[in-house]
Amino acid sequence: MNVIIVDDEPLAQEVLETFVEQIPDLNLIASCNNAIEANEVLRTNDIDLMFLDIQMPQITGVEFLKSLEKPPMVIFTTAYSEYAVEGFELNAVDYLVKPISMDRFMKALNKAREQETRSGNIKTTAADEKEFIFVKADKKLVKLNYNDIIYIEGLKDYVIIHHGNTRTITLQTMKSLEAKLPAGIFKRIHRSYIVNLGMINAVLGNMVEVTQKGATKHLPVGKNYRDDLLAIINKNRL
């Protein structure tokens, strides 16, 4: 997704830039200090997602968003939580209160990804068309096809990728791997688990059922991930 940051605070800009640059599928087009600069960027670029500060001089973020005929998806950022209601009334994807943590940033970003998936506006890029990923394991790069991956399990600084009848262990965090995987295929369901949506056989309470090595296995669904998962499940139910 092409991203723009609009914030008059240099430190807030820097934090968001750092977060965006860590996510492979985000392309930072510009960081703007005010709505006038942002309007020019929007006019000359195809922007998918805008991180927009509410309290800015001359034109506030809310006023700016109301002025746009075809705005991109918006995640509001501000130090004042009392503006949240107005932000959501403008169909903002999410509302981040400063100081913003990486965990909260990722949650908002995942909401944006899901909204774009639902609207059918995801752009097809070379990365999107890939059906595999390479991970470093046993001193070599191992190719894993998305369709073979059943689920991914986090273990401190390692992740265990369960695929086919075997598994691959690689040194990286769940957060970094999640950012590299296509959101339309994989879903984070717990702080320690990512599941291939196509591999889910059933949902039972706070568990999802998958099949591994011919046997049924149940993976926990964390309370912070349950609503997002059920939204996907309900979209595909009869």
Protein backbone atom coordinates (compact mmCIF):
# COMPACT_ATOMS: atom_id res chain seq x y z
CA MET A 1 0.00 0.00 0.00
CA ASN A 2 1.14 3.53 -0.77
CA VAL A 3 1.21 5.54 2.45
CA ILE A 4 1.30 9.22 3.38
CA ILE A 5 1.96 10.65 6.86
CA VAL A 6 0.43 14.03 7.75
CA ASP A 7 1.58 15.45 11.09
CA ASP A 8 3.02 18.79 12.15
CA GLU A 9 5.07 17.25 14.99
CA PRO A 10 8.56 16.15 13.80
CA LEU A 11 8.89 13.47 16.51
CA ALA A 12 5.50 11.97 15.70
CA GLN A 13 6.43 11.94 12.00
CA GLU A 14 9.69 10.19 12.78
CA VAL A 15 8.00 7.49 14.87
CA LEU A 16 5.47 6.71 12.14
CA GLU A 17 8.15 6.74 9.45
CA THR A 18 10.17 4.21 11.46
CA PHE A 19 7.15 1.94 11.82
CA VAL A 20 6.16 2.18 8.15
CA GLU A 21 9.69 1.47 6.95
CA GLN A 22 9.73 -1.81 8.89
CA ILE A 23 6.73 -3.18 6.96
CA PRO A 24 7.70 -4.62 3.54
CA ASP A 25 4.31 -4.10 1.89
CA LEU A 26 4.08 -0.41 2.82
CA ASN A 27 5.53 2.22 0.50
CA LEU A 28 5.99 5.63 2.15
CA ILE A 29 5.29 8.23 -0.54
CA ALA A 30 5.64 11.36 1.63
CA SER A 31 5.61 12.86 5.11
CA CYS A 32 3.79 16.19 5.23
CA ASN A 33 3.68 18.90 7.88
CA ASN A 34 0.21 20.19 7.04
CA ALA A 35 -2.93 19.60 5.01
CA ILE A 36 -1.83 21.86 2.14
CA GLU A 37 1.27 19.76 1.50
CA ALA A 38 -0.75 16.57 1.86
CA ASN A 39 -3.37 17.74 -0.62
CA GLU A 40 -0.71 18.19 -3.29
CA VAL A 41 0.66 14.69 -2.64
CA LEU A 42 -2.83 13.20 -2.86
CA ARG A 43 -3.45 15.08 -6.10
CA THR A 44 -0.34 13.73 -7.81
CA ASN A 45 -0.05 10.23 -6.31
CA ASP A 46 -2.21 7.15 -5.85
CA ILE A 47 -2.40 6.91 -2.05
CA ASP A 48 -4.01 3.94 -0.31
CA LEU A 49 -3.57 4.84 3.36
CA MET A 50 -3.11 8.15 5.20
CA PHE A 51 -1.91 8.54 8.80
CA LEU A 52 -3.54 11.87 9.66
CA ASP A 53 -3.00 14.01 12.75
CA ILE A 54 -6.12 15.79 13.94
CA GLN A 55 -4.65 18.84 15.70
CA MET A 56 -2.76 20.80 13.03
CA PRO A 57 -2.49 24.55 12.39
CA GLN A 58 -4.69 26.27 9.80
CA ILE A 59 -6.59 23.15 8.72
CA THR A 60 -7.29 20.31 11.15
CA GLY A 61 -7.15 16.68 10.10
CA VAL A 62 -10.92 16.38 10.44
CA GLU A 63 -11.51 19.46 8.26
CA PHE A 64 -9.03 18.18 5.70
CA LEU A 65 -10.64 14.75 5.49
CA LYS A 66 -14.10 16.32 5.07
CA SER A 67 -12.77 18.38 2.15
CA LEU A 68 -11.59 15.35 0.16
CA GLU A 69 -13.93 14.04 -2.51
CA LYS A 70 -12.31 10.60 -2.72
CA PRO A 71 -10.13 10.17 0.38
CA PRO A 72 -7.87 7.16 0.92
CA MET A 73 -8.25 5.00 3.98
CA VAL A 74 -7.43 7.07 7.05
CA ILE A 75 -5.93 6.22 10.43
CA PHE A 76 -6.16 9.24 12.72
CA THR A 77 -3.30 10.03 15.08
CA THR A 78 -3.56 12.50 17.96
CA ALA A 79 -2.68 13.14 21.56
CA TYR A 80 -6.33 13.81 22.42
CA SER A 81 -8.59 10.78 22.79
CA GLU A 82 -11.75 12.92 23.00
CA TYR A 83 -11.69 13.28 19.20
CA ALA A 84 -12.14 9.54 18.64
CA VAL A 85 -15.91 9.62 18.14
CA GLU A 86 -15.75 12.27 15.43
CA GLY A 87 -12.94 10.36 13.75
CA PHE A 88 -14.97 7.16 13.52
CA GLU A 89 -18.00 9.09 12.26
CA LEU A 90 -15.85 9.97 9.26
CA ASN A 91 -15.28 6.25 8.61
CA ALA A 92 -11.69 6.27 9.79
CA VAL A 93 -10.11 2.82 9.87
CA ASP A 94 -8.74 3.38 13.36
CA TYR A 95 -7.67 5.98 15.88
CA LEU A 96 -4.18 5.99 17.41
CA VAL A 97 -3.46 7.97 20.56
CA LYS A 98 0.11 9.27 20.96
CA PRO A 99 2.59 8.04 21.99
CA ILE A 100 1.96 5.22 19.52
CA SER A 101 3.38 1.75 20.17
CA MET A 102 4.38 -0.69 17.43
CA ASP A 103 1.80 -3.21 18.64
CA ARG A 104 -1.01 -0.67 18.38
CA PHE A 105 0.29 0.49 14.99
CA MET A 106 0.21 -3.09 13.66
CA LYS A 107 -3.34 -3.61 14.90
CA ALA A 108 -4.50 -0.49 13.05
CA LEU A 109 -2.58 -1.52 9.94
CA ASN A 110 -4.19 -4.96 9.94
CA LYS A 111 -7.61 -3.31 10.10
CA ALA A 112 -6.67 -1.28 7.02
CA ARG A 113 -5.53 -4.41 5.21
CA GLU A 114 -8.79 -6.18 5.99
CA GLN A 115 -10.85 -3.19 4.89
CA GLU A 116 -9.00 -3.06 1.60
CA THR A 117 -9.51 -6.79 1.15
CA ARG A 118 -13.24 -6.41 1.72
CA SER A 119 -13.49 -3.53 -0.72
CA GLY A 120 -11.64 -5.51 -3.39
CA ASN A 121 -9.18 -2.70 -4.01
CA ILE A 122 -5.92 -4.48 -3.31
CA LYS A 123 -3.37 -3.76 -5.98
CA THR A 124 -1.67 -6.64 -7.69
CA THR A 125 2.08 -6.36 -7.38
CA ALA A 126 4.93 -8.78 -8.01
CA ALA A 127 5.01 -9.49 -4.27
CA ASP A 128 1.25 -10.15 -4.16
CA GLU A 129 1.48 -12.60 -7.04
CA LYS A 130 4.09 -14.73 -5.30
CA GLU A 131 2.86 -18.05 -3.99
CA PHE A 132 5.86 -18.74 -1.78
CA ILE A 133 8.30 -17.27 0.70
CA PHE A 134 11.96 -18.00 1.45
CA VAL A 135 13.04 -18.33 5.09
CA LYS A 136 16.51 -18.85 6.50
CA ALA A 137 16.88 -22.19 8.28
CA ASP A 138 19.80 -24.58 8.79
CA LYS A 139 22.22 -22.12 7.14
CA LYS A 140 20.23 -22.03 3.90
CA LEU A 141 17.22 -20.30 2.38
CA VAL A 142 14.26 -22.66 2.33
CA LYS A 143 11.39 -22.11 -0.10
CA LEU A 144 7.93 -22.63 1.40
CA ASN A 145 4.77 -22.57 -0.71
CA TYR A 146 1.92 -20.68 0.94
CA ASN A 147 -0.51 -23.51 0.20
CA ASP A 148 1.67 -25.95 2.14
CA ILE A 149 1.85 -23.88 5.32
CA ILE A 150 -0.72 -24.98 7.90
CA TYR A 151 0.14 -22.64 10.77
CA ILE A 152 3.02 -20.76 12.33
CA GLU A 153 3.96 -20.93 15.98
CA GLY A 154 5.98 -18.31 17.85
CA LEU A 155 8.65 -19.27 20.37
CA LYS A 156 10.52 -16.23 21.76
CA ASP A 157 12.79 -15.03 18.92
CA TYR A 158 12.07 -18.08 16.75
CA VAL A 159 9.08 -19.15 14.71
CA ILE A 160 8.12 -22.70 13.85
CA ILE A 161 6.47 -23.00 10.45
CA HIS A 162 4.34 -26.14 10.24
CA HIS A 163 3.96 -27.25 6.62
CA GLY A 164 2.99 -30.56 5.07
CA ASN A 165 4.20 -33.31 7.39
CA THR A 166 7.21 -31.42 8.67
CA ARG A 167 8.25 -28.09 10.16
CA THR A 168 10.87 -25.40 9.60
CA ILE A 169 12.38 -23.31 12.39
CA THR A 170 13.70 -19.85 11.58
CA LEU A 171 15.22 -17.05 13.67
CA GLN A 172 12.80 -14.11 13.50
CA THR A 173 9.82 -12.71 15.35
CA MET A 174 6.16 -13.39 14.68
CA LYS A 175 5.65 -9.70 14.01
CA SER A 176 8.28 -9.54 11.29
CA LEU A 177 7.07 -12.72 9.59
CA GLU A 178 3.42 -11.64 9.77
CA ALA A 179 4.29 -8.44 7.93
CA LYS A 180 5.82 -10.44 5.07
CA LEU A 181 2.89 -12.82 4.58
CA PRO A 182 -0.16 -11.98 2.43
CA ALA A 183 -3.00 -10.90 4.72
CA GLY A 184 -5.59 -12.51 2.47
CA ILE A 185 -4.13 -15.98 3.11
CA PHE A 186 -2.73 -15.83 6.64
CA LYS A 187 -4.33 -14.50 9.82
CA ARG A 188 -2.83 -13.82 13.24
CA ILE A 189 -5.17 -15.50 15.75
CA HIS A 190 -3.04 -15.37 18.89
CA ARG A 191 0.16 -13.69 20.02
CA SER A 192 1.84 -17.06 19.37
CA TYR A 193 -0.06 -18.33 16.32
CA ILE A 194 -0.67 -17.40 12.69
CA VAL A 195 -2.93 -19.72 10.69
CA ASN A 196 -3.45 -20.30 6.99
CA LEU A 197 -7.14 -19.42 6.60
CA GLY A 198 -7.55 -22.11 3.95
CA MET A 199 -6.38 -24.76 6.41
CA ILE A 200 -9.06 -24.07 9.04
CA ASN A 201 -11.49 -26.99 9.24
CA ALA A 202 -13.71 -25.58 11.98
CA VAL A 203 -14.03 -22.90 14.65
CA LEU A 204 -14.97 -24.12 18.11
CA GLY A 205 -15.36 -21.40 20.73
CA ASN A 206 -11.92 -19.89 21.25
CA MET A 207 -10.15 -22.51 19.12
CA VAL A 208 -9.64 -23.22 15.44
CA GLU A 209 -9.26 -26.75 14.13
CA VAL A 210 -6.63 -27.72 11.57
CA THR A 211 -5.24 -31.04 10.36
CA GLN A 212 -1.55 -31.81 10.81
CA LYS A 213 0.10 -35.12 9.94
CA GLY A 214 -3.35 -36.67 9.52
CA ALA A 215 -4.40 -35.69 13.04
CA THR A 216 -6.70 -32.94 14.29
CA LYS A 217 -5.02 -30.08 16.12
CA HIS A 218 -6.64 -27.17 17.93
CA LEU A 219 -5.03 -23.73 18.01
CA PRO A 220 -6.07 -21.06 20.55
CA VAL A 221 -7.66 -17.79 19.46
CA GLY A 222 -6.65 -14.80 21.58
CA LYS A 223 -9.39 -12.42 22.74
CA ASN A 224 -7.71 -9.51 20.91
CA TYR A 225 -7.86 -11.43 17.61
CA ARG A 226 -11.23 -13.16 17.90
CA ASP A 227 -13.44 -10.40 16.45
CA ASP A 228 -11.29 -9.95 13.36
CA LEU A 229 -11.21 -13.71 12.75
CA LEU A 230 -14.98 -14.07 13.16
CA ALA A 231 -15.54 -11.21 10.73
CA ILE A 232 -13.64 -13.17 8.09
CA ILE A 233 -15.41 -16.44 8.95
CA ASN A 234 -18.88 -14.85 8.90
CA LYS A 235 -18.17 -13.26 5.53
CA ASN A 236 -17.72 -16.76 4.09
CA ARG A 237 -20.47 -18.62 5.92
CA LEU A 238 -23.74 -19.85 4.40
